[in-house]
Amino acid sequence: MSSSAQHKRIRKSPAARRAEIVAAASMVALTEGLECITLRRIAEELDVRPGLISHYFPAVEDLVAEAYGSAAGSELDGLLPADRAGATPTQHLARFFGRATGPGFDDISRLWLNARHLSRYRPALRDRVAVQEAAWRDRLGGLIRDGVEQGEFRTDEPEVTAIQILVVIDGLGVHANSAAGGNGGRPPAVLRMAVTTAERELGLPAGTLTASATAN
């Protein structure tokens, strides 16, 4: 076999190449902001020609929307897995808060803030934000509904309670984006607002979700 054949670049399938482009754009979105996603910027990340990126995404706005959706969707699957086997609703909710209210969640919080701002002017992104908002609301609402059915939670409106919790988490994300928003600038009572809201609205004794997170 000739050396030229050995070193011949392996052509990626269209699906694999598209996924690679979206993954690179998602990383730029999380670390630099959605405004920094351009065809040239992503081409530089992947060491390819900009024309290759435009072949898959002729309009950069579609890539921006896809990158946001991929990042937000992946975070949702990490925080609230669709498969909830092996743990109780209370344990799953405690794990959710343990991950969604810490400093490691700040990047995705900033991305949500970024996306909501830009979506005022970008229809493709606006549609994707609406899809993700519904997905997060439905996933959390489903968990709460399961907890009610199993007798762990008490609320007549699981979907409304899910929205209340997500609104508080969003508010904490906005605060994290401010100059004094780091954990050092937020009192413990503020950091626990989402948890205390959930415990109150679900009829749980104070500290239940924190204790469950520590135990698991």
Protein backbone atom coordinates (compact mmCIF):
# COMPACT_ATOMS: atom_id res chain seq x y z
CA MET A 1 0.00 0.00 0.00
CA SER A 2 1.41 3.38 -0.97
CA SER A 3 2.12 6.05 1.63
CA SER A 4 -0.29 8.40 -0.13
CA ALA A 5 -3.07 5.86 0.35
CA GLN A 6 -2.13 5.38 4.00
CA HIS A 7 -2.30 9.09 4.71
CA LYS A 8 -5.39 9.77 2.67
CA ARG A 9 -7.88 11.76 4.73
CA ILE A 10 -10.97 9.78 5.65
CA ARG A 11 -14.11 11.52 4.45
CA LYS A 12 -16.69 11.93 7.21
CA SER A 13 -20.33 11.14 6.61
CA PRO A 14 -22.66 14.14 6.24
CA ALA A 15 -24.28 13.33 9.60
CA ALA A 16 -20.91 13.11 11.37
CA ARG A 17 -19.66 16.32 9.78
CA ARG A 18 -22.82 18.19 10.68
CA ALA A 19 -22.64 16.96 14.26
CA GLU A 20 -19.01 18.09 14.45
CA ILE A 21 -19.93 21.57 13.24
CA VAL A 22 -22.77 21.88 15.74
CA ALA A 23 -20.56 20.66 18.60
CA ALA A 24 -17.90 23.24 17.77
CA ALA A 25 -20.49 26.01 17.53
CA SER A 26 -22.04 24.94 20.85
CA MET A 27 -18.67 25.23 22.57
CA VAL A 28 -18.14 28.70 21.15
CA ALA A 29 -21.65 29.64 22.31
CA LEU A 30 -20.95 28.51 25.87
CA THR A 31 -17.50 30.02 26.21
CA GLU A 32 -17.73 33.17 24.09
CA GLY A 33 -21.38 33.87 23.33
CA LEU A 34 -23.77 33.27 20.47
CA GLU A 35 -22.67 36.47 18.74
CA CYS A 36 -19.25 34.93 18.18
CA ILE A 37 -20.60 32.14 16.01
CA THR A 38 -19.71 32.89 12.40
CA LEU A 39 -18.98 30.57 9.52
CA ARG A 40 -15.34 31.65 9.53
CA ARG A 41 -14.99 31.24 13.30
CA ILE A 42 -16.30 27.68 13.26
CA ALA A 43 -14.20 26.85 10.21
CA GLU A 44 -11.12 27.98 12.14
CA GLU A 45 -12.11 25.77 15.08
CA LEU A 46 -12.34 22.73 12.81
CA ASP A 47 -9.45 23.68 10.51
CA VAL A 48 -11.63 23.54 7.41
CA ARG A 49 -12.71 26.02 4.75
CA PRO A 50 -15.67 28.33 5.54
CA GLY A 51 -17.34 26.95 2.43
CA LEU A 52 -17.68 23.58 4.13
CA ILE A 53 -19.58 25.16 7.02
CA SER A 54 -21.86 27.07 4.65
CA HIS A 55 -22.58 23.84 2.78
CA TYR A 56 -24.30 22.50 5.90
CA PHE A 57 -25.54 25.85 7.21
CA PRO A 58 -26.07 28.34 4.36
CA ALA A 59 -27.51 30.81 6.90
CA VAL A 60 -25.41 31.39 9.99
CA GLU A 61 -28.60 32.12 11.96
CA ASP A 62 -29.57 28.47 11.57
CA LEU A 63 -26.21 27.40 13.00
CA VAL A 64 -26.63 29.79 15.92
CA ALA A 65 -30.05 28.32 16.69
CA GLU A 66 -28.77 24.76 16.34
CA ALA A 67 -25.78 25.44 18.59
CA TYR A 68 -27.97 26.93 21.30
CA GLY A 69 -30.48 24.08 21.06
CA SER A 70 -27.74 21.47 21.26
CA ALA A 71 -26.12 23.07 24.31
CA ALA A 72 -29.39 23.65 26.17
CA GLY A 73 -30.72 20.20 25.30
CA SER A 74 -27.54 18.45 26.42
CA GLU A 75 -27.63 20.33 29.70
CA LEU A 76 -31.25 19.31 30.25
CA ASP A 77 -30.41 15.64 29.67
CA GLY A 78 -27.57 15.93 32.17
CA LEU A 79 -29.65 17.67 34.82
CA LEU A 80 -32.95 15.85 34.40
CA PRO A 81 -32.46 12.56 32.54
CA ALA A 82 -35.54 11.26 30.77
CA ASP A 83 -34.83 7.83 32.25
CA ARG A 84 -35.43 8.25 35.97
CA ALA A 85 -35.02 4.62 37.00
CA GLY A 86 -33.00 3.85 40.11
CA ALA A 87 -33.94 6.84 42.25
CA THR A 88 -37.02 8.44 43.78
CA PRO A 89 -38.50 11.72 42.48
CA THR A 90 -37.17 13.47 45.59
CA GLN A 91 -33.66 12.18 44.91
CA HIS A 92 -33.83 13.23 41.26
CA LEU A 93 -35.04 16.70 42.19
CA ALA A 94 -32.30 17.06 44.81
CA ARG A 95 -29.67 16.10 42.23
CA PHE A 96 -31.16 18.60 39.80
CA PHE A 97 -30.80 21.44 42.28
CA GLY A 98 -27.32 20.34 43.25
CA ARG A 99 -26.23 20.75 39.64
CA ALA A 100 -28.45 23.62 38.47
CA THR A 101 -27.75 26.08 41.29
CA GLY A 102 -23.96 25.78 41.56
CA PRO A 103 -21.20 27.75 39.80
CA GLY A 104 -20.83 24.99 37.20
CA PHE A 105 -24.23 25.99 35.85
CA ASP A 106 -23.26 29.62 35.29
CA ASP A 107 -22.14 29.13 31.67
CA ILE A 108 -25.46 27.65 30.60
CA SER A 109 -27.29 30.37 32.58
CA ARG A 110 -25.40 33.01 30.63
CA LEU A 111 -26.21 31.20 27.39
CA TRP A 112 -29.92 31.28 28.19
CA LEU A 113 -29.69 35.00 28.96
CA ASN A 114 -27.74 35.56 25.74
CA ALA A 115 -30.22 33.56 23.66
CA ARG A 116 -33.29 35.28 25.05
CA HIS A 117 -31.81 38.68 24.31
CA LEU A 118 -30.78 37.84 20.75
CA SER A 119 -34.01 36.00 20.03
CA ARG A 120 -35.81 39.34 19.90
CA TYR A 121 -34.17 39.92 16.53
CA ARG A 122 -33.50 36.37 15.25
CA PRO A 123 -36.60 34.31 14.39
CA ALA A 124 -34.78 30.97 14.09
CA LEU A 125 -33.25 31.42 17.53
CA ARG A 126 -36.57 32.62 18.96
CA ASP A 127 -38.26 29.42 17.81
CA ARG A 128 -35.49 27.28 19.30
CA VAL A 129 -35.67 29.11 22.64
CA ALA A 130 -39.41 28.39 22.75
CA VAL A 131 -38.75 24.70 22.07
CA GLN A 132 -36.17 24.47 24.84
CA GLU A 133 -38.31 26.35 27.33
CA ALA A 134 -41.13 23.87 26.69
CA ALA A 135 -38.73 20.91 26.99
CA TRP A 136 -37.34 22.08 30.35
CA ARG A 137 -40.81 22.88 31.65
CA ASP A 138 -42.21 19.52 30.54
CA ARG A 139 -39.28 17.51 31.92
CA LEU A 140 -39.40 19.18 35.35
CA GLY A 141 -43.20 19.13 35.38
CA GLY A 142 -43.15 15.41 34.61
CA LEU A 143 -40.80 14.74 37.51
CA ILE A 144 -43.01 16.71 39.88
CA ARG A 145 -46.09 14.92 38.59
CA ASP A 146 -44.42 11.56 39.27
CA GLY A 147 -43.58 12.72 42.78
CA VAL A 148 -47.21 13.68 43.40
CA GLU A 149 -48.45 10.31 42.12
CA GLN A 150 -46.01 8.49 44.40
CA GLY A 151 -47.01 10.55 47.41
CA GLU A 152 -43.68 12.37 47.80
CA PHE A 153 -44.84 15.84 46.68
CA ARG A 154 -48.01 17.82 47.28
CA THR A 155 -49.17 20.28 44.63
CA ASP A 156 -52.35 20.59 42.60
CA GLU A 157 -50.53 22.11 39.62
CA PRO A 158 -47.22 20.38 38.81
CA GLU A 159 -46.68 22.44 35.65
CA VAL A 160 -47.20 25.74 37.47
CA THR A 161 -44.81 24.65 40.22
CA ALA A 162 -42.22 23.71 37.57
CA ILE A 163 -42.52 27.19 36.05
CA GLN A 164 -42.12 28.83 39.47
CA ILE A 165 -38.93 26.87 40.10
CA LEU A 166 -37.49 27.62 36.67
CA VAL A 167 -38.26 31.33 37.03
CA VAL A 168 -36.27 31.44 40.28
CA ILE A 169 -33.36 29.55 38.65
CA ASP A 170 -33.47 32.00 35.74
CA GLY A 171 -33.36 34.90 38.17
CA LEU A 172 -30.32 33.44 39.91
CA GLY A 173 -28.71 33.05 36.50
CA VAL A 174 -29.22 36.73 35.75
CA HIS A 175 -27.67 37.58 39.11
CA ALA A 176 -24.70 35.35 38.35
CA ASN A 177 -24.13 37.35 35.18
CA SER A 178 -23.72 40.59 37.11
CA ALA A 179 -20.38 41.88 38.38
CA ALA A 180 -21.11 40.69 41.93
CA GLY A 181 -22.96 37.58 40.82
CA GLY A 182 -20.40 34.97 41.78
CA ASN A 183 -21.08 32.73 44.73
CA GLY A 184 -18.96 35.00 46.88
CA GLY A 185 -21.41 37.84 46.18
CA ARG A 186 -24.55 35.84 46.91
CA PRO A 187 -25.65 35.12 50.48
CA PRO A 188 -26.54 31.47 51.27
CA ALA A 189 -30.23 32.37 51.53
CA VAL A 190 -30.13 33.69 47.97
CA LEU A 191 -28.25 30.65 46.68
CA ARG A 192 -30.94 28.43 48.21
CA MET A 193 -33.92 30.35 46.83
CA ALA A 194 -34.76 27.78 44.15
CA VAL A 195 -34.53 24.91 46.65
CA THR A 196 -36.60 26.67 49.30
CA THR A 197 -39.20 27.60 46.67
CA ALA A 198 -39.45 23.95 45.60
CA GLU A 199 -39.71 22.67 49.16
CA ARG A 200 -42.42 25.19 49.99
CA GLU A 201 -44.48 24.60 46.83
CA LEU A 202 -44.16 20.80 47.05
CA GLY A 203 -45.02 20.54 50.73
CA LEU A 204 -41.60 19.27 51.76
CA PRO A 205 -39.97 19.99 55.13
CA ALA A 206 -37.17 22.55 54.91
CA GLY A 207 -33.86 20.90 54.12
CA THR A 208 -35.35 17.79 52.51
CA LEU A 209 -33.81 18.36 49.09
CA THR A 210 -30.44 19.32 50.52
CA ALA A 211 -30.38 16.20 52.71
CA SER A 212 -31.34 13.98 49.78
CA ALA A 213 -28.60 15.46 47.61
CA THR A 214 -26.00 14.87 50.34
CA ALA A 215 -27.14 11.29 50.89
CA ASN A 216 -26.83 10.50 47.20
